[in-house]
């Protein structure tokens, strides 16, 4: 069965996000004073063939931990849907 994984990767909350900080400052300069603490991450979509949703989830976790994220500075979450 084919599954679609929607993966969101974000810097860990304990770490400074320089891109997010720059965007936050620029937004305030442009009059978006109600905006604060912008965090910038990545969104990855992938298709995966697996016999079950549990197996697909396991493979997504492996991909995230081995290649898609740097676990020292990033965390991730994902959703799966069957296609």
C-alpha atoms as a PDB file:
ATOM      1  CA  UNK A   1       0.000   0.000   0.000  1.00  0.00           C
ATOM      2  CA  UNK A   2       1.197   3.528  -0.697  1.00  0.00           C
ATOM      3  CA  UNK A   3       1.327   6.114   2.095  1.00  0.00           C
ATOM      4  CA  UNK A   4       1.994   9.842   1.951  1.00  0.00           C
ATOM      5  CA  UNK A   5       4.056  11.264   4.804  1.00  0.00           C
ATOM      6  CA  UNK A   6       3.858  14.985   5.572  1.00  0.00           C
ATOM      7  CA  UNK A   7       6.910  15.777   7.718  1.00  0.00           C
ATOM      8  CA  UNK A   8       7.522  19.040   9.590  1.00  0.00           C
ATOM      9  CA  UNK A   9      11.059  19.697  10.815  1.00  0.00           C
ATOM     10  CA  UNK A  10      11.718  22.553  13.220  1.00  0.00           C
ATOM     11  CA  UNK A  11      14.676  23.834  15.219  1.00  0.00           C
ATOM     12  CA  UNK A  12      14.518  22.701  18.843  1.00  0.00           C
ATOM     13  CA  UNK A  13      12.788  25.299  21.017  1.00  0.00           C
ATOM     14  CA  UNK A  14      15.827  25.559  23.302  1.00  0.00           C
ATOM     15  CA  UNK A  15      18.005  26.743  20.394  1.00  0.00           C
ATOM     16  CA  UNK A  16      18.212  30.132  18.767  1.00  0.00           C
ATOM     17  CA  UNK A  17      16.618  30.274  15.303  1.00  0.00           C
ATOM     18  CA  UNK A  18      18.585  33.022  13.481  1.00  0.00           C
ATOM     19  CA  UNK A  19      16.327  32.932  10.402  1.00  0.00           C
ATOM     20  CA  UNK A  20      13.232  33.179  12.558  1.00  0.00           C
ATOM     21  CA  UNK A  21      14.739  36.038  14.543  1.00  0.00           C
ATOM     22  CA  UNK A  22      15.570  37.948  11.339  1.00  0.00           C
ATOM     23  CA  UNK A  23      12.040  37.456  10.013  1.00  0.00           C
ATOM     24  CA  UNK A  24      10.527  38.498  13.361  1.00  0.00           C
ATOM     25  CA  UNK A  25      12.559  41.724  13.324  1.00  0.00           C
ATOM     26  CA  UNK A  26      11.695  42.460   9.688  1.00  0.00           C
ATOM     27  CA  UNK A  27       7.985  41.879  10.322  1.00  0.00           C
ATOM     28  CA  UNK A  28       8.052  44.359  13.211  1.00  0.00           C
ATOM     29  CA  UNK A  29       9.802  46.886  10.932  1.00  0.00           C
ATOM     30  CA  UNK A  30       6.975  46.421   8.420  1.00  0.00           C
ATOM     31  CA  UNK A  31       4.288  47.078  11.029  1.00  0.00           C
ATOM     32  CA  UNK A  32       3.409  43.524  12.058  1.00  0.00           C
ATOM     33  CA  UNK A  33       3.852  44.349  15.742  1.00  0.00           C
ATOM     34  CA  UNK A  34       1.482  41.587  16.853  1.00  0.00           C
ATOM     35  CA  UNK A  35       3.851  38.911  15.470  1.00  0.00           C
ATOM     36  CA  UNK A  36       6.542  37.438  17.709  1.00  0.00           C
ATOM     37  CA  UNK A  37       8.830  34.427  17.979  1.00  0.00           C
ATOM     38  CA  UNK A  38       8.843  33.333  14.332  1.00  0.00           C
ATOM     39  CA  UNK A  39      10.396  29.876  13.887  1.00  0.00           C
ATOM     40  CA  UNK A  40      11.428  28.665  10.433  1.00  0.00           C
ATOM     41  CA  UNK A  41      11.648  25.012   9.520  1.00  0.00           C
ATOM     42  CA  UNK A  42      11.194  22.599   6.633  1.00  0.00           C
ATOM     43  CA  UNK A  43       8.209  20.711   5.255  1.00  0.00           C
ATOM     44  CA  UNK A  44       8.899  17.468   3.405  1.00  0.00           C
ATOM     45  CA  UNK A  45       6.387  15.243   1.629  1.00  0.00           C
ATOM     46  CA  UNK A  46       7.292  11.726   0.606  1.00  0.00           C
ATOM     47  CA  UNK A  47       5.556   8.633  -0.723  1.00  0.00           C
ATOM     48  CA  UNK A  48       6.360   5.305   0.863  1.00  0.00           C
ATOM     49  CA  UNK A  49       5.305   1.752   0.003  1.00  0.00           C
ATOM     50  CA  UNK A  50       4.581  -0.360   3.090  1.00  0.00           C
ATOM     51  CA  UNK A  51       2.391  -3.268   4.186  1.00  0.00           C
ATOM     52  CA  UNK A  52       0.885  -1.288   7.090  1.00  0.00           C
ATOM     53  CA  UNK A  53       0.658   2.195   8.519  1.00  0.00           C
ATOM     54  CA  UNK A  54       2.838   1.103  11.455  1.00  0.00           C
ATOM     55  CA  UNK A  55       5.562  -0.081   9.077  1.00  0.00           C
ATOM     56  CA  UNK A  56       5.340   3.139   7.062  1.00  0.00           C
ATOM     57  CA  UNK A  57       5.654   5.158  10.277  1.00  0.00           C
ATOM     58  CA  UNK A  58       8.694   3.168  11.320  1.00  0.00           C
ATOM     59  CA  UNK A  59      10.390   3.851   7.976  1.00  0.00           C
ATOM     60  CA  UNK A  60       9.553   7.570   8.176  1.00  0.00           C
ATOM     61  CA  UNK A  61      11.110   7.698  11.660  1.00  0.00           C
ATOM     62  CA  UNK A  62      14.229   5.968  10.328  1.00  0.00           C
ATOM     63  CA  UNK A  63      14.485   8.392   7.393  1.00  0.00           C
ATOM     64  CA  UNK A  64      14.053  11.387   9.688  1.00  0.00           C
ATOM     65  CA  UNK A  65      16.662  10.156  12.153  1.00  0.00           C
ATOM     66  CA  UNK A  66      19.214   9.051   9.545  1.00  0.00           C
ATOM     67  CA  UNK A  67      19.012  11.675   6.793  1.00  0.00           C
ATOM     68  CA  UNK A  68      16.227  14.268   6.977  1.00  0.00           C
ATOM     69  CA  UNK A  69      17.019  15.864  10.353  1.00  0.00           C
ATOM     70  CA  UNK A  70      19.944  16.705  12.553  1.00  0.00           C
ATOM     71  CA  UNK A  71      18.596  15.425  15.896  1.00  0.00           C
ATOM     72  CA  UNK A  72      21.050  17.609  17.823  1.00  0.00           C
ATOM     73  CA  UNK A  73      19.340  20.807  16.642  1.00  0.00           C
ATOM     74  CA  UNK A  74      16.035  19.728  15.048  1.00  0.00           C
ATOM     75  CA  UNK A  75      12.865  17.906  15.998  1.00  0.00           C
ATOM     76  CA  UNK A  76      10.163  16.553  13.730  1.00  0.00           C
ATOM     77  CA  UNK A  77       6.595  15.344  13.569  1.00  0.00           C
ATOM     78  CA  UNK A  78       4.631  13.825  10.736  1.00  0.00           C
ATOM     79  CA  UNK A  79       1.267  12.609   9.572  1.00  0.00           C
ATOM     80  CA  UNK A  80       0.578   9.628   7.360  1.00  0.00           C
ATOM     81  CA  UNK A  81      -2.305   9.025   5.011  1.00  0.00           C
ATOM     82  CA  UNK A  82      -2.956   6.146   2.674  1.00  0.00           C
ATOM     83  CA  UNK A  83      -3.183   6.873  -1.013  1.00  0.00           C
END
